[in-house]
Amino acid sequence: MYAVVETGGKQYRVAVGDRIEVERLDAEPGTDVTLDRVLLVADGEDVRVGTPVVEGARVVASVEDQIKGKKVIVFKFKPKKRYRRKQGHRQQLTRLTIKEIVA
């Protein structure tokens, strides 16, 4: 059984036991969060697609950790003008473990 959930403007295909990293959620490590925006639930041949979400479906996940992603370098450059700007960014992420898919 798997589901497609939306959080943080991105979509993730999840199954029970999966570990995913999503945009930062406001939750403490060790607590459970419920992802309500379930776009698709599939159990073998039975596939339910939402319009846009599946009614009554939810995914329960446990918050493992609050982490930072890999550094992304932003470099602006204009030739022949001595203009160079270097900036780094590390996105705040939340690591989740999927515990249950409720269809």
PDB file of N, CA and C in Angstrom:
ATOM      1  N   MET A   1       0.845  -1.170   0.000  1.00  0.00           N
ATOM      2  CA  MET A   1       0.000   0.000   0.000  1.00  0.00           C
ATOM      3  C   MET A   1       0.894   1.237   0.000  1.00  0.00           C
ATOM      4  N   TYR A   2       0.546   2.212  -0.824  1.00  0.00           N
ATOM      5  CA  TYR A   2       1.293   3.464  -0.857  1.00  0.00           C
ATOM      6  C   TYR A   2       0.334   4.618  -1.077  1.00  0.00           C
ATOM      7  N   ALA A   3       0.843   5.826  -0.848  1.00  0.00           N
ATOM      8  CA  ALA A   3       0.042   7.030  -1.014  1.00  0.00           C
ATOM      9  C   ALA A   3       0.926   8.134  -1.576  1.00  0.00           C
ATOM     10  N   VAL A   4       0.289   9.119  -2.189  1.00  0.00           N
ATOM     11  CA  VAL A   4       0.988  10.315  -2.652  1.00  0.00           C
ATOM     12  C   VAL A   4       0.445  11.469  -1.812  1.00  0.00           C
ATOM     13  N   VAL A   5       1.350  12.122  -1.063  1.00  0.00           N
ATOM     14  CA  VAL A   5       0.953  13.227  -0.196  1.00  0.00           C
ATOM     15  C   VAL A   5       1.627  14.508  -0.656  1.00  0.00           C
ATOM     16  N   GLU A   6       0.996  15.630  -0.317  1.00  0.00           N
ATOM     17  CA  GLU A   6       1.551  16.936  -0.647  1.00  0.00           C
ATOM     18  C   GLU A   6       1.825  17.685   0.649  1.00  0.00           C
ATOM     19  N   THR A   7       3.040  18.182   0.777  1.00  0.00           N
ATOM     20  CA  THR A   7       3.409  19.023   1.912  1.00  0.00           C
ATOM     21  C   THR A   7       4.549  19.938   1.486  1.00  0.00           C
ATOM     22  N   GLY A   8       4.460  21.175   1.889  1.00  0.00           N
ATOM     23  CA  GLY A   8       5.517  22.132   1.548  1.00  0.00           C
ATOM     24  C   GLY A   8       5.590  22.434   0.068  1.00  0.00           C
ATOM     25  N   GLY A   9       4.477  22.273  -0.662  1.00  0.00           N
ATOM     26  CA  GLY A   9       4.469  22.550  -2.090  1.00  0.00           C
ATOM     27  C   GLY A   9       5.074  21.460  -2.947  1.00  0.00           C
ATOM     28  N   LYS A  10       5.405  20.317  -2.346  1.00  0.00           N
ATOM     29  CA  LYS A  10       5.980  19.200  -3.091  1.00  0.00           C
ATOM     30  C   LYS A  10       5.166  17.949  -2.844  1.00  0.00           C
ATOM     31  N   GLN A  11       5.281  16.987  -3.745  1.00  0.00           N
ATOM     32  CA  GLN A  11       4.542  15.730  -3.625  1.00  0.00           C
ATOM     33  C   GLN A  11       5.524  14.588  -3.374  1.00  0.00           C
ATOM     34  N   TYR A  12       5.114  13.657  -2.499  1.00  0.00           N
ATOM     35  CA  TYR A  12       5.959  12.531  -2.121  1.00  0.00           C
ATOM     36  C   TYR A  12       5.156  11.243  -2.215  1.00  0.00           C
ATOM     37  N   ARG A  13       5.775  10.191  -2.758  1.00  0.00           N
ATOM     38  CA  ARG A  13       5.178   8.852  -2.774  1.00  0.00           C
ATOM     39  C   ARG A  13       5.706   8.134  -1.549  1.00  0.00           C
ATOM     40  N   VAL A  14       4.794   7.724  -0.649  1.00  0.00           N
ATOM     41  CA  VAL A  14       5.208   7.147   0.622  1.00  0.00           C
ATOM     42  C   VAL A  14       4.531   5.805   0.848  1.00  0.00           C
ATOM     43  N   ALA A  15       5.215   4.950   1.589  1.00  0.00           N
ATOM     44  CA  ALA A  15       4.679   3.674   2.055  1.00  0.00           C
ATOM     45  C   ALA A  15       5.034   3.561   3.527  1.00  0.00           C
ATOM     46  N   VAL A  16       4.418   2.634   4.227  1.00  0.00           N
ATOM     47  CA  VAL A  16       4.684   2.458   5.649  1.00  0.00           C
ATOM     48  C   VAL A  16       6.152   2.056   5.844  1.00  0.00           C
ATOM     49  N   GLY A  17       6.830   2.752   6.751  1.00  0.00           N
ATOM     50  CA  GLY A  17       8.234   2.476   7.024  1.00  0.00           C
ATOM     51  C   GLY A  17       9.202   3.360   6.265  1.00  0.00           C
ATOM     52  N   ASP A  18       8.736   4.132   5.297  1.00  0.00           N
ATOM     53  CA  ASP A  18       9.616   5.019   4.533  1.00  0.00           C
ATOM     54  C   ASP A  18      10.093   6.186   5.395  1.00  0.00           C
ATOM     55  N   ARG A  19      11.298   6.678   5.088  1.00  0.00           N
ATOM     56  CA  ARG A  19      11.836   7.883   5.710  1.00  0.00           C
ATOM     57  C   ARG A  19      11.962   8.939   4.625  1.00  0.00           C
ATOM     58  N   ILE A  20      11.343  10.097   4.852  1.00  0.00           N
ATOM     59  CA  ILE A  20      11.398  11.181   3.867  1.00  0.00           C
ATOM     60  C   ILE A  20      11.829  12.465   4.559  1.00  0.00           C
ATOM     61  N   GLU A  21      12.373  13.382   3.768  1.00  0.00           N
ATOM     62  CA  GLU A  21      12.737  14.700   4.251  1.00  0.00           C
ATOM     63  C   GLU A  21      11.859  15.715   3.539  1.00  0.00           C
ATOM     64  N   VAL A  22      11.087  16.474   4.321  1.00  0.00           N
ATOM     65  CA  VAL A  22      10.145  17.446   3.777  1.00  0.00           C
ATOM     66  C   VAL A  22      10.529  18.836   4.248  1.00  0.00           C
ATOM     67  N   GLU A  23       9.904  19.862   3.657  1.00  0.00           N
ATOM     68  CA  GLU A  23      10.106  21.224   4.122  1.00  0.00           C
ATOM     69  C   GLU A  23       9.754  21.292   5.607  1.00  0.00           C
ATOM     70  N   ARG A  24      10.405  22.161   6.339  1.00  0.00           N
ATOM     71  CA  ARG A  24      10.288  22.210   7.797  1.00  0.00           C
ATOM     72  C   ARG A  24       8.835  22.283   8.263  1.00  0.00           C
ATOM     73  N   LEU A  25       8.496  21.373   9.185  1.00  0.00           N
ATOM     74  CA  LEU A  25       7.204  21.372   9.858  1.00  0.00           C
ATOM     75  C   LEU A  25       7.423  21.818  11.299  1.00  0.00           C
ATOM     76  N   ASP A  26       6.467  22.526  11.847  1.00  0.00           N
ATOM     77  CA  ASP A  26       6.578  23.028  13.211  1.00  0.00           C
ATOM     78  C   ASP A  26       6.153  21.940  14.183  1.00  0.00           C
ATOM     79  N   ALA A  27       7.051  20.995  14.458  1.00  0.00           N
ATOM     80  CA  ALA A  27       6.781  19.887  15.371  1.00  0.00           C
ATOM     81  C   ALA A  27       8.080  19.454  16.035  1.00  0.00           C
ATOM     82  N   GLU A  28       7.976  19.011  17.267  1.00  0.00           N
ATOM     83  CA  GLU A  28       9.137  18.562  18.013  1.00  0.00           C
ATOM     84  C   GLU A  28       9.512  17.136  17.612  1.00  0.00           C
ATOM     85  N   PRO A  29      10.801  16.783  17.640  1.00  0.00           N
ATOM     86  CA  PRO A  29      11.201  15.395  17.378  1.00  0.00           C
ATOM     87  C   PRO A  29      10.561  14.446  18.394  1.00  0.00           C
ATOM     88  N   GLY A  30      10.079  13.314  17.892  1.00  0.00           N
ATOM     89  CA  GLY A  30       9.413  12.334  18.735  1.00  0.00           C
ATOM     90  C   GLY A  30       7.902  12.422  18.711  1.00  0.00           C
ATOM     91  N   THR A  31       7.353  13.511  18.172  1.00  0.00           N
ATOM     92  CA  THR A  31       5.904  13.651  18.096  1.00  0.00           C
ATOM     93  C   THR A  31       5.391  13.104  16.767  1.00  0.00           C
ATOM     94  N   ASP A  32       4.090  12.907  16.690  1.00  0.00           N
ATOM     95  CA  ASP A  32       3.448  12.439  15.461  1.00  0.00           C
ATOM     96  C   ASP A  32       2.778  13.609  14.754  1.00  0.00           C
ATOM     97  N   VAL A  33       2.836  13.598  13.424  1.00  0.00           N
ATOM     98  CA  VAL A  33       2.134  14.593  12.610  1.00  0.00           C
ATOM     99  C   VAL A  33       1.209  13.855  11.654  1.00  0.00           C
ATOM    100  N   THR A  34       0.124  14.513  11.284  1.00  0.00           N
ATOM    101  CA  THR A  34      -0.832  13.945  10.347  1.00  0.00           C
ATOM    102  C   THR A  34      -0.793  14.755   9.064  1.00  0.00           C
ATOM    103  N   LEU A  35      -0.547  14.086   7.950  1.00  0.00           N
ATOM    104  CA  LEU A  35      -0.539  14.725   6.637  1.00  0.00           C
ATOM    105  C   LEU A  35      -1.912  14.490   6.013  1.00  0.00           C
ATOM    106  N   ASP A  36      -2.703  15.562   5.879  1.00  0.00           N
ATOM    107  CA  ASP A  36      -4.088  15.439   5.408  1.00  0.00           C
ATOM    108  C   ASP A  36      -4.231  15.566   3.899  1.00  0.00           C
ATOM    109  N   ARG A  37      -3.267  16.191   3.239  1.00  0.00           N
ATOM    110  CA  ARG A  37      -3.370  16.383   1.782  1.00  0.00           C
ATOM    111  C   ARG A  37      -2.891  15.130   1.066  1.00  0.00           C
ATOM    112  N   VAL A  38      -3.748  14.115   1.033  1.00  0.00           N
ATOM    113  CA  VAL A  38      -3.450  12.849   0.361  1.00  0.00           C
ATOM    114  C   VAL A  38      -4.083  12.910  -1.027  1.00  0.00           C
ATOM    115  N   LEU A  39      -3.246  12.837  -2.062  1.00  0.00           N
ATOM    116  CA  LEU A  39      -3.727  12.982  -3.437  1.00  0.00           C
ATOM    117  C   LEU A  39      -4.091  11.645  -4.065  1.00  0.00           C
ATOM    118  N   LEU A  40      -3.490  10.547  -3.582  1.00  0.00           N
ATOM    119  CA  LEU A  40      -3.732   9.236  -4.162  1.00  0.00           C
ATOM    120  C   LEU A  40      -3.454   8.170  -3.109  1.00  0.00           C
ATOM    121  N   VAL A  41      -4.297   7.135  -3.096  1.00  0.00           N
ATOM    122  CA  VAL A  41      -4.074   5.980  -2.223  1.00  0.00           C
ATOM    123  C   VAL A  41      -4.206   4.735  -3.088  1.00  0.00           C
ATOM    124  N   ALA A  42      -3.199   3.861  -3.054  1.00  0.00           N
ATOM    125  CA  ALA A  42      -3.225   2.635  -3.853  1.00  0.00           C
ATOM    126  C   ALA A  42      -2.965   1.445  -2.946  1.00  0.00           C
ATOM    127  N   ASP A  43      -3.821   0.428  -3.068  1.00  0.00           N
ATOM    128  CA  ASP A  43      -3.664  -0.814  -2.313  1.00  0.00           C
ATOM    129  C   ASP A  43      -3.868  -1.957  -3.297  1.00  0.00           C
ATOM    130  N   GLY A  44      -2.772  -2.405  -3.914  1.00  0.00           N
ATOM    131  CA  GLY A  44      -2.873  -3.452  -4.932  1.00  0.00           C
ATOM    132  C   GLY A  44      -3.570  -2.916  -6.174  1.00  0.00           C
ATOM    133  N   GLU A  45      -4.695  -3.541  -6.540  1.00  0.00           N
ATOM    134  CA  GLU A  45      -5.463  -3.111  -7.717  1.00  0.00           C
ATOM    135  C   GLU A  45      -6.401  -1.955  -7.401  1.00  0.00           C
ATOM    136  N   ASP A  46      -6.686  -1.720  -6.119  1.00  0.00           N
ATOM    137  CA  ASP A  46      -7.602  -0.654  -5.706  1.00  0.00           C
ATOM    138  C   ASP A  46      -6.853   0.669  -5.636  1.00  0.00           C
ATOM    139  N   VAL A  47      -7.125   1.585  -6.566  1.00  0.00           N
ATOM    140  CA  VAL A  47      -6.474   2.886  -6.615  1.00  0.00           C
ATOM    141  C   VAL A  47      -7.544   3.966  -6.489  1.00  0.00           C
ATOM    142  N   ARG A  48      -7.364   4.860  -5.515  1.00  0.00           N
ATOM    143  CA  ARG A  48      -8.293   5.980  -5.332  1.00  0.00           C
ATOM    144  C   ARG A  48      -7.537   7.270  -5.581  1.00  0.00           C
ATOM    145  N   VAL A  49      -8.024   8.044  -6.548  1.00  0.00           N
ATOM    146  CA  VAL A  49      -7.408   9.318  -6.898  1.00  0.00           C
ATOM    147  C   VAL A  49      -8.345  10.423  -6.441  1.00  0.00           C
ATOM    148  N   GLY A  50      -7.792  11.427  -5.756  1.00  0.00           N
ATOM    149  CA  GLY A  50      -8.604  12.513  -5.238  1.00  0.00           C
ATOM    150  C   GLY A  50      -8.830  13.615  -6.251  1.00  0.00           C
ATOM    151  N   THR A  51      -9.818  14.464  -5.950  1.00  0.00           N
ATOM    152  CA  THR A  51     -10.118  15.619  -6.802  1.00  0.00           C
ATOM    153  C   THR A  51     -10.228  16.867  -5.937  1.00  0.00           C
ATOM    154  N   PRO A  52      -9.240  17.508  -5.454  1.00  0.00           N
ATOM    155  CA  PRO A  52      -7.828  17.154  -5.573  1.00  0.00           C
ATOM    156  C   PRO A  52      -7.328  16.216  -4.477  1.00  0.00           C
ATOM    157  N   VAL A  53      -8.070  16.065  -3.350  1.00  0.00           N
ATOM    158  CA  VAL A  53      -7.608  15.177  -2.281  1.00  0.00           C
ATOM    159  C   VAL A  53      -8.602  14.050  -2.083  1.00  0.00           C
ATOM    160  N   VAL A  54      -8.129  12.930  -1.538  1.00  0.00           N
ATOM    161  CA  VAL A  54      -8.977  11.779  -1.236  1.00  0.00           C
ATOM    162  C   VAL A  54      -9.678  12.057   0.095  1.00  0.00           C
ATOM    163  N   GLU A  55     -11.013  11.999   0.083  1.00  0.00           N
ATOM    164  CA  GLU A  55     -11.796  12.285   1.286  1.00  0.00           C
ATOM    165  C   GLU A  55     -11.527  11.242   2.368  1.00  0.00           C
ATOM    166  N   GLY A  56     -11.237  11.702   3.586  1.00  0.00           N
ATOM    167  CA  GLY A  56     -11.050  10.810   4.722  1.00  0.00           C
ATOM    168  C   GLY A  56      -9.695  10.126   4.798  1.00  0.00           C
ATOM    169  N   ALA A  57      -8.844  10.333   3.835  1.00  0.00           N
ATOM    170  CA  ALA A  57      -7.531   9.685   3.839  1.00  0.00           C
ATOM    171  C   ALA A  57      -6.531  10.578   4.574  1.00  0.00           C
ATOM    172  N   ARG A  58      -5.618   9.930   5.287  1.00  0.00           N
ATOM    173  CA  ARG A  58      -4.558  10.670   5.975  1.00  0.00           C
ATOM    174  C   ARG A  58      -3.362   9.754   6.160  1.00  0.00           C
ATOM    175  N   VAL A  59      -2.218  10.384   6.345  1.00  0.00           N
ATOM    176  CA  VAL A  59      -0.977   9.653   6.575  1.00  0.00           C
ATOM    177  C   VAL A  59      -0.415  10.123   7.913  1.00  0.00           C
ATOM    178  N   VAL A  60      -0.128   9.175   8.796  1.00  0.00           N
ATOM    179  CA  VAL A  60       0.437   9.490  10.109  1.00  0.00           C
ATOM    180  C   VAL A  60       1.935   9.212  10.055  1.00  0.00           C
ATOM    181  N   ALA A  61       2.722  10.214  10.468  1.00  0.00           N
ATOM    182  CA  ALA A  61       4.182  10.093  10.431  1.00  0.00           C
ATOM    183  C   ALA A  61       4.762  10.554  11.759  1.00  0.00           C
ATOM    184  N   SER A  62       5.928  10.034  12.081  1.00  0.00           N
ATOM    185  CA  SER A  62       6.637  10.408  13.291  1.00  0.00           C
ATOM    186  C   SER A  62       7.797  11.318  12.919  1.00  0.00           C
ATOM    187  N   VAL A  63       7.963  12.406  13.669  1.00  0.00           N
ATOM    188  CA  VAL A  63       9.059  13.342  13.414  1.00  0.00           C
ATOM    189  C   VAL A  63      10.320  12.778  14.049  1.00  0.00           C
ATOM    190  N   GLU A  64      11.327  12.510  13.214  1.00  0.00           N
ATOM    191  CA  GLU A  64      12.601  11.992  13.719  1.00  0.00           C
ATOM    192  C   GLU A  64      13.532  13.107  14.133  1.00  0.00           C
ATOM    193  N   ASP A  65      13.669  14.118  13.254  1.00  0.00           N
ATOM    194  CA  ASP A  65      14.684  15.125  13.491  1.00  0.00           C
ATOM    195  C   ASP A  65      14.392  16.377  12.679  1.00  0.00           C
ATOM    196  N   GLN A  66      14.908  17.512  13.150  1.00  0.00           N
ATOM    197  CA  GLN A  66      14.895  18.758  12.388  1.00  0.00           C
ATOM    198  C   GLN A  66      16.329  18.970  11.903  1.00  0.00           C
ATOM    199  N   ILE A  67      16.518  19.039  10.589  1.00  0.00           N
ATOM    200  CA  ILE A  67      17.867  19.102  10.026  1.00  0.00           C
ATOM    201  C   ILE A  67      17.977  20.233   9.013  1.00  0.00           C
ATOM    202  N   LYS A  68      19.190  20.440   8.509  1.00  0.00           N
ATOM    203  CA  LYS A  68      19.426  21.370   7.412  1.00  0.00           C
ATOM    204  C   LYS A  68      19.871  20.573   6.198  1.00  0.00           C
ATOM    205  N   GLY A  69      19.447  21.008   5.019  1.00  0.00           N
ATOM    206  CA  GLY A  69      19.817  20.338   3.788  1.00  0.00           C
ATOM    207  C   GLY A  69      21.229  20.707   3.357  1.00  0.00           C
ATOM    208  N   LYS A  70      21.622  20.192   2.197  1.00  0.00           N
ATOM    209  CA  LYS A  70      22.940  20.498   1.661  1.00  0.00           C
ATOM    210  C   LYS A  70      23.002  21.964   1.251  1.00  0.00           C
ATOM    211  N   LYS A  71      24.212  22.520   1.301  1.00  0.00           N
ATOM    212  CA  LYS A  71      24.381  23.919   0.954  1.00  0.00           C
ATOM    213  C   LYS A  71      24.253  24.125  -0.554  1.00  0.00           C
ATOM    214  N   VAL A  72      23.494  25.139  -0.927  1.00  0.00           N
ATOM    215  CA  VAL A  72      23.337  25.543  -2.320  1.00  0.00           C
ATOM    216  C   VAL A  72      24.051  26.876  -2.478  1.00  0.00           C
ATOM    217  N   ILE A  73      24.943  26.965  -3.452  1.00  0.00           N
ATOM    218  CA  ILE A  73      25.696  28.189  -3.699  1.00  0.00           C
ATOM    219  C   ILE A  73      24.975  29.020  -4.751  1.00  0.00           C
ATOM    220  N   VAL A  74      24.740  30.299  -4.420  1.00  0.00           N
ATOM    221  CA  VAL A  74      24.141  31.247  -5.361  1.00  0.00           C
ATOM    222  C   VAL A  74      25.239  32.225  -5.737  1.00  0.00           C
ATOM    223  N   PHE A  75      25.601  32.275  -7.024  1.00  0.00           N
ATOM    224  CA  PHE A  75      26.693  33.133  -7.473  1.00  0.00           C
ATOM    225  C   PHE A  75      26.195  34.017  -8.599  1.00  0.00           C
ATOM    226  N   LYS A  76      26.212  35.333  -8.363  1.00  0.00           N
ATOM    227  CA  LYS A  76      25.804  36.296  -9.386  1.00  0.00           C
ATOM    228  C   LYS A  76      27.070  36.926  -9.968  1.00  0.00           C
ATOM    229  N   PHE A  77      27.074  37.111 -11.287  1.00  0.00           N
ATOM    230  CA  PHE A  77      28.273  37.559 -11.962  1.00  0.00           C
ATOM    231  C   PHE A  77      27.886  38.349 -13.199  1.00  0.00           C
ATOM    232  N   LYS A  78      28.515  39.518 -13.367  1.00  0.00           N
ATOM    233  CA  LYS A  78      28.333  40.296 -14.593  1.00  0.00           C
ATOM    234  C   LYS A  78      29.711  40.525 -15.201  1.00  0.00           C
ATOM    235  N   PRO A  79      29.913  40.045 -16.396  1.00  0.00           N
ATOM    236  CA  PRO A  79      31.242  40.155 -16.987  1.00  0.00           C
ATOM    237  C   PRO A  79      31.639  41.613 -17.273  1.00  0.00           C
ATOM    238  N   LYS A  80      32.934  41.887 -17.122  1.00  0.00           N
ATOM    239  CA  LYS A  80      33.554  43.181 -17.434  1.00  0.00           C
ATOM    240  C   LYS A  80      33.089  44.321 -16.533  1.00  0.00           C
ATOM    241  N   LYS A  81      32.350  44.032 -15.464  1.00  0.00           N
ATOM    242  CA  LYS A  81      31.831  45.093 -14.588  1.00  0.00           C
ATOM    243  C   LYS A  81      32.312  44.947 -13.140  1.00  0.00           C
ATOM    244  N   ARG A  82      33.164  43.972 -12.850  1.00  0.00           N
ATOM    245  CA  ARG A  82      33.657  43.705 -11.497  1.00  0.00           C
ATOM    246  C   ARG A  82      32.510  43.451 -10.514  1.00  0.00           C
ATOM    247  N   TYR A  83      31.473  42.795 -10.963  1.00  0.00           N
ATOM    248  CA  TYR A  83      30.323  42.493 -10.098  1.00  0.00           C
ATOM    249  C   TYR A  83      30.272  40.994  -9.834  1.00  0.00           C
ATOM    250  N   ARG A  84      30.512  40.629  -8.578  1.00  0.00           N
ATOM    251  CA  ARG A  84      30.438  39.225  -8.173  1.00  0.00           C
ATOM    252  C   ARG A  84      29.817  39.168  -6.786  1.00  0.00           C
ATOM    253  N   ARG A  85      28.819  38.320  -6.617  1.00  0.00           N
ATOM    254  CA  ARG A  85      28.171  38.135  -5.327  1.00  0.00           C
ATOM    255  C   ARG A  85      28.032  36.643  -5.075  1.00  0.00           C
ATOM    256  N   LYS A  86      28.575  36.161  -3.969  1.00  0.00           N
ATOM    257  CA  LYS A  86      28.483  34.748  -3.618  1.00  0.00           C
ATOM    258  C   LYS A  86      27.670  34.631  -2.334  1.00  0.00           C
ATOM    259  N   GLN A  87      26.680  33.746  -2.369  1.00  0.00           N
ATOM    260  CA  GLN A  87      25.808  33.569  -1.225  1.00  0.00           C
ATOM    261  C   GLN A  87      25.460  32.092  -1.105  1.00  0.00           C
ATOM    262  N   GLY A  88      25.371  31.602   0.116  1.00  0.00           N
ATOM    263  CA  GLY A  88      24.998  30.211   0.344  1.00  0.00           C
ATOM    264  C   GLY A  88      23.646  30.110   1.021  1.00  0.00           C
ATOM    265  N   HIS A  89      22.995  28.962   0.867  1.00  0.00           N
ATOM    266  CA  HIS A  89      21.688  28.734   1.495  1.00  0.00           C
ATOM    267  C   HIS A  89      21.576  27.272   1.892  1.00  0.00           C
ATOM    268  N   ARG A  90      21.085  27.031   3.114  1.00  0.00           N
ATOM    269  CA  ARG A  90      20.796  25.673   3.569  1.00  0.00           C
ATOM    270  C   ARG A  90      19.342  25.634   4.002  1.00  0.00           C
ATOM    271  N   GLN A  91      18.546  24.810   3.328  1.00  0.00           N
ATOM    272  CA  GLN A  91      17.114  24.722   3.597  1.00  0.00           C
ATOM    273  C   GLN A  91      16.860  23.957   4.888  1.00  0.00           C
ATOM    274  N   GLN A  92      15.915  24.441   5.683  1.00  0.00           N
ATOM    275  CA  GLN A  92      15.502  23.748   6.907  1.00  0.00           C
ATOM    276  C   GLN A  92      14.558  22.610   6.522  1.00  0.00           C
ATOM    277  N   LEU A  93      14.841  21.396   7.004  1.00  0.00           N
ATOM    278  CA  LEU A  93      14.066  20.211   6.651  1.00  0.00           C
ATOM    279  C   LEU A  93      13.620  19.471   7.910  1.00  0.00           C
ATOM    280  N   THR A  94      12.589  18.656   7.737  1.00  0.00           N
ATOM    281  CA  THR A  94      12.111  17.780   8.796  1.00  0.00           C
ATOM    282  C   THR A  94      12.160  16.356   8.262  1.00  0.00           C
ATOM    283  N   ARG A  95      12.803  15.444   9.020  1.00  0.00           N
ATOM    284  CA  ARG A  95      12.883  14.046   8.621  1.00  0.00           C
ATOM    285  C   ARG A  95      11.728  13.296   9.269  1.00  0.00           C
ATOM    286  N   LEU A  96      10.920  12.622   8.433  1.00  0.00           N
ATOM    287  CA  LEU A  96       9.727  11.894   8.899  1.00  0.00           C
ATOM    288  C   LEU A  96       9.868  10.413   8.635  1.00  0.00           C
ATOM    289  N   THR A  97       9.271   9.603   9.505  1.00  0.00           N
ATOM    290  CA  THR A  97       9.119   8.169   9.277  1.00  0.00           C
ATOM    291  C   THR A  97       7.630   7.894   9.193  1.00  0.00           C
ATOM    292  N   ILE A  98       7.198   7.260   8.103  1.00  0.00           N
ATOM    293  CA  ILE A  98       5.778   6.994   7.880  1.00  0.00           C
ATOM    294  C   ILE A  98       5.366   5.805   8.746  1.00  0.00           C
ATOM    295  N   LYS A  99       4.345   6.029   9.576  1.00  0.00           N
ATOM    296  CA  LYS A  99       3.878   4.986  10.485  1.00  0.00           C
ATOM    297  C   LYS A  99       2.625   4.285   9.982  1.00  0.00           C
ATOM    298  N   GLU A 100       1.709   5.060   9.359  1.00  0.00           N
ATOM    299  CA  GLU A 100       0.404   4.486   9.028  1.00  0.00           C
ATOM    300  C   GLU A 100      -0.222   5.258   7.877  1.00  0.00           C
ATOM    301  N   ILE A 101      -0.905   4.530   6.991  1.00  0.00           N
ATOM    302  CA  ILE A 101      -1.698   5.141   5.922  1.00  0.00           C
ATOM    303  C   ILE A 101      -3.146   4.755   6.150  1.00  0.00           C
ATOM    304  N   VAL A 102      -3.992   5.735   6.402  1.00  0.00           N
ATOM    305  CA  VAL A 102      -5.411   5.492   6.664  1.00  0.00           C
ATOM    306  C   VAL A 102      -6.192   5.897   5.421  1.00  0.00           C
ATOM    307  N   ALA A 103      -6.833   4.900   4.784  1.00  0.00           N
ATOM    308  CA  ALA A 103      -7.612   5.195   3.584  1.00  0.00           C
ATOM    309  C   ALA A 103      -9.045   5.391   3.970  1.00  0.00           C
TER     310      ALA A 103
END
